[in-house]
Amino acid sequence: MSEERKVQLYTMVVVDDDGNETPVGYAYGEEWVAMGLYMDDIKFKTPEEAKEWWEKNYGKENET
């Protein structure tokens, strides 16, 4: 039986002294990608770039 992979968009934000949130990076993929974003190993400027990277490297066409 095939296990369904859960993928989603992750956003890194910076909160200023007034409580305003500013997005500073995005990553898309499975849960481990969130840790890569947090560790500053995986970060893209736009959600589209993040999703494109995931699909190219880990998308359905690359499943075994």
N, C-alpha and C. Protein backbone atom coordinates (compact mmCIF):
# COMPACT_ATOMS: atom_id res chain seq x y z
N MET A 1 0.84 -1.17 0.00
CA MET A 1 0.00 0.00 0.00
C MET A 1 0.90 1.25 0.00
N SER A 2 0.54 2.21 -0.82
CA SER A 2 1.30 3.44 -0.95
C SER A 2 0.88 4.45 0.11
N GLU A 3 1.87 5.05 0.77
CA GLU A 3 1.58 6.07 1.77
C GLU A 3 1.51 7.44 1.09
N GLU A 4 0.46 8.21 1.37
CA GLU A 4 0.31 9.52 0.77
C GLU A 4 1.25 10.50 1.45
N ARG A 5 1.98 11.25 0.64
CA ARG A 5 2.91 12.24 1.17
C ARG A 5 2.16 13.56 1.37
N LYS A 6 2.36 14.17 2.54
CA LYS A 6 1.75 15.46 2.82
C LYS A 6 2.77 16.55 2.52
N VAL A 7 2.41 17.45 1.62
CA VAL A 7 3.28 18.57 1.29
C VAL A 7 2.52 19.86 1.51
N GLN A 8 3.26 20.89 1.90
CA GLN A 8 2.64 22.19 2.11
C GLN A 8 3.68 23.29 2.00
N LEU A 9 3.21 24.53 1.99
CA LEU A 9 4.08 25.69 1.93
C LEU A 9 4.43 26.12 3.34
N TYR A 10 5.70 26.41 3.55
CA TYR A 10 6.18 26.93 4.83
C TYR A 10 6.72 28.33 4.59
N THR A 11 6.47 29.23 5.53
CA THR A 11 6.90 30.61 5.41
C THR A 11 7.69 31.01 6.65
N MET A 12 8.89 31.57 6.43
CA MET A 12 9.68 32.12 7.53
C MET A 12 9.35 33.61 7.62
N VAL A 13 9.02 34.07 8.82
CA VAL A 13 8.70 35.48 9.00
C VAL A 13 9.58 36.10 10.07
N VAL A 14 9.77 37.39 9.95
CA VAL A 14 10.47 38.18 10.97
C VAL A 14 9.42 39.11 11.56
N VAL A 15 9.39 39.19 12.89
CA VAL A 15 8.44 40.05 13.58
C VAL A 15 9.20 41.25 14.14
N ASP A 16 8.76 42.46 13.76
CA ASP A 16 9.44 43.66 14.26
C ASP A 16 8.90 44.06 15.64
N ASP A 17 9.44 45.11 16.19
CA ASP A 17 9.07 45.56 17.53
C ASP A 17 7.59 45.93 17.66
N ASP A 18 6.96 46.30 16.54
CA ASP A 18 5.54 46.65 16.56
C ASP A 18 4.63 45.46 16.33
N GLY A 19 5.21 44.28 16.15
CA GLY A 19 4.43 43.08 15.94
C GLY A 19 4.10 42.80 14.48
N ASN A 20 4.64 43.60 13.58
CA ASN A 20 4.40 43.38 12.15
C ASN A 20 5.24 42.20 11.65
N GLU A 21 4.60 41.33 10.89
CA GLU A 21 5.28 40.16 10.34
C GLU A 21 5.68 40.41 8.89
N THR A 22 6.94 40.12 8.58
CA THR A 22 7.44 40.26 7.21
C THR A 22 7.99 38.92 6.75
N PRO A 23 7.44 38.34 5.67
CA PRO A 23 7.98 37.09 5.14
C PRO A 23 9.40 37.30 4.61
N VAL A 24 10.31 36.39 4.98
CA VAL A 24 11.70 36.50 4.52
C VAL A 24 12.16 35.27 3.75
N GLY A 25 11.33 34.25 3.67
CA GLY A 25 11.69 33.05 2.92
C GLY A 25 10.57 32.05 2.89
N TYR A 26 10.62 31.19 1.88
CA TYR A 26 9.59 30.17 1.69
C TYR A 26 10.24 28.83 1.38
N ALA A 27 9.55 27.77 1.74
CA ALA A 27 9.93 26.42 1.35
C ALA A 27 8.64 25.64 1.15
N TYR A 28 8.70 24.62 0.31
CA TYR A 28 7.52 23.82 0.00
C TYR A 28 7.92 22.36 0.00
N GLY A 29 7.10 21.54 0.63
CA GLY A 29 7.38 20.12 0.62
C GLY A 29 6.86 19.42 1.86
N GLU A 30 7.51 18.31 2.19
CA GLU A 30 7.14 17.52 3.36
C GLU A 30 7.64 18.21 4.62
N GLU A 31 7.30 17.63 5.75
CA GLU A 31 7.60 18.25 7.04
C GLU A 31 9.09 18.54 7.25
N TRP A 32 9.96 17.68 6.74
CA TRP A 32 11.40 17.90 6.92
C TRP A 32 11.86 19.20 6.27
N VAL A 33 11.15 19.67 5.26
CA VAL A 33 11.53 20.91 4.58
C VAL A 33 11.40 22.10 5.54
N ALA A 34 10.43 22.04 6.44
CA ALA A 34 10.26 23.13 7.41
C ALA A 34 11.51 23.29 8.27
N MET A 35 12.12 22.18 8.65
CA MET A 35 13.35 22.26 9.44
C MET A 35 14.48 22.84 8.61
N GLY A 36 14.54 22.49 7.32
CA GLY A 36 15.55 23.08 6.44
C GLY A 36 15.38 24.59 6.33
N LEU A 37 14.14 25.05 6.28
CA LEU A 37 13.87 26.49 6.24
C LEU A 37 14.31 27.14 7.55
N TYR A 38 13.96 26.52 8.66
CA TYR A 38 14.33 27.04 9.98
C TYR A 38 15.85 27.12 10.14
N MET A 39 16.56 26.13 9.61
CA MET A 39 18.02 26.08 9.73
C MET A 39 18.72 26.92 8.65
N ASP A 40 17.93 27.55 7.78
CA ASP A 40 18.45 28.40 6.71
C ASP A 40 19.20 27.59 5.66
N ASP A 41 18.85 26.30 5.51
CA ASP A 41 19.45 25.45 4.49
C ASP A 41 18.64 25.47 3.20
N ILE A 42 17.34 25.67 3.31
CA ILE A 42 16.43 25.71 2.17
C ILE A 42 15.62 26.98 2.30
N LYS A 43 15.73 27.88 1.34
CA LYS A 43 14.94 29.11 1.42
C LYS A 43 14.81 29.70 0.03
N PHE A 44 13.59 30.07 -0.33
CA PHE A 44 13.32 30.66 -1.63
C PHE A 44 12.64 32.01 -1.44
N LYS A 45 12.80 32.88 -2.44
CA LYS A 45 12.25 34.23 -2.35
C LYS A 45 10.75 34.28 -2.54
N THR A 46 10.19 33.32 -3.28
CA THR A 46 8.75 33.30 -3.54
C THR A 46 8.18 31.91 -3.31
N PRO A 47 6.89 31.81 -3.02
CA PRO A 47 6.26 30.50 -2.90
C PRO A 47 6.36 29.70 -4.20
N GLU A 48 6.29 30.38 -5.34
CA GLU A 48 6.37 29.70 -6.63
C GLU A 48 7.73 29.05 -6.84
N GLU A 49 8.80 29.75 -6.46
CA GLU A 49 10.15 29.17 -6.57
C GLU A 49 10.28 27.94 -5.68
N ALA A 50 9.73 28.02 -4.48
CA ALA A 50 9.80 26.91 -3.54
C ALA A 50 9.08 25.69 -4.09
N LYS A 51 7.89 25.89 -4.62
CA LYS A 51 7.12 24.76 -5.15
C LYS A 51 7.79 24.17 -6.39
N GLU A 52 8.33 25.03 -7.24
CA GLU A 52 9.02 24.56 -8.43
C GLU A 52 10.21 23.68 -8.06
N TRP A 53 10.98 24.09 -7.04
CA TRP A 53 12.12 23.29 -6.58
C TRP A 53 11.66 21.92 -6.09
N TRP A 54 10.59 21.91 -5.29
CA TRP A 54 10.09 20.64 -4.76
C TRP A 54 9.65 19.72 -5.88
N GLU A 55 8.86 20.24 -6.79
CA GLU A 55 8.35 19.41 -7.88
C GLU A 55 9.48 18.86 -8.75
N LYS A 56 10.49 19.68 -8.99
CA LYS A 56 11.62 19.25 -9.81
C LYS A 56 12.42 18.14 -9.13
N ASN A 57 12.63 18.28 -7.82
CA ASN A 57 13.49 17.34 -7.10
C ASN A 57 12.78 16.20 -6.39
N TYR A 58 11.55 16.41 -5.97
CA TYR A 58 10.86 15.41 -5.15
C TYR A 58 9.43 15.16 -5.59
N GLY A 59 9.02 15.72 -6.70
CA GLY A 59 7.65 15.59 -7.17
C GLY A 59 7.30 14.18 -7.58
N LYS A 60 6.06 13.99 -7.98
CA LYS A 60 5.54 12.66 -8.33
C LYS A 60 6.36 11.94 -9.37
N GLU A 61 6.92 12.70 -10.34
CA GLU A 61 7.71 12.05 -11.38
C GLU A 61 8.98 11.41 -10.83
N ASN A 62 9.38 11.79 -9.61
CA ASN A 62 10.59 11.25 -9.00
C ASN A 62 10.29 10.18 -7.95
N GLU A 63 9.03 9.84 -7.75
CA GLU A 63 8.67 8.81 -6.77
C GLU A 63 9.04 7.44 -7.32
N THR A 64 9.40 6.53 -6.41
CA THR A 64 9.75 5.17 -6.84
C THR A 64 8.74 4.19 -6.32
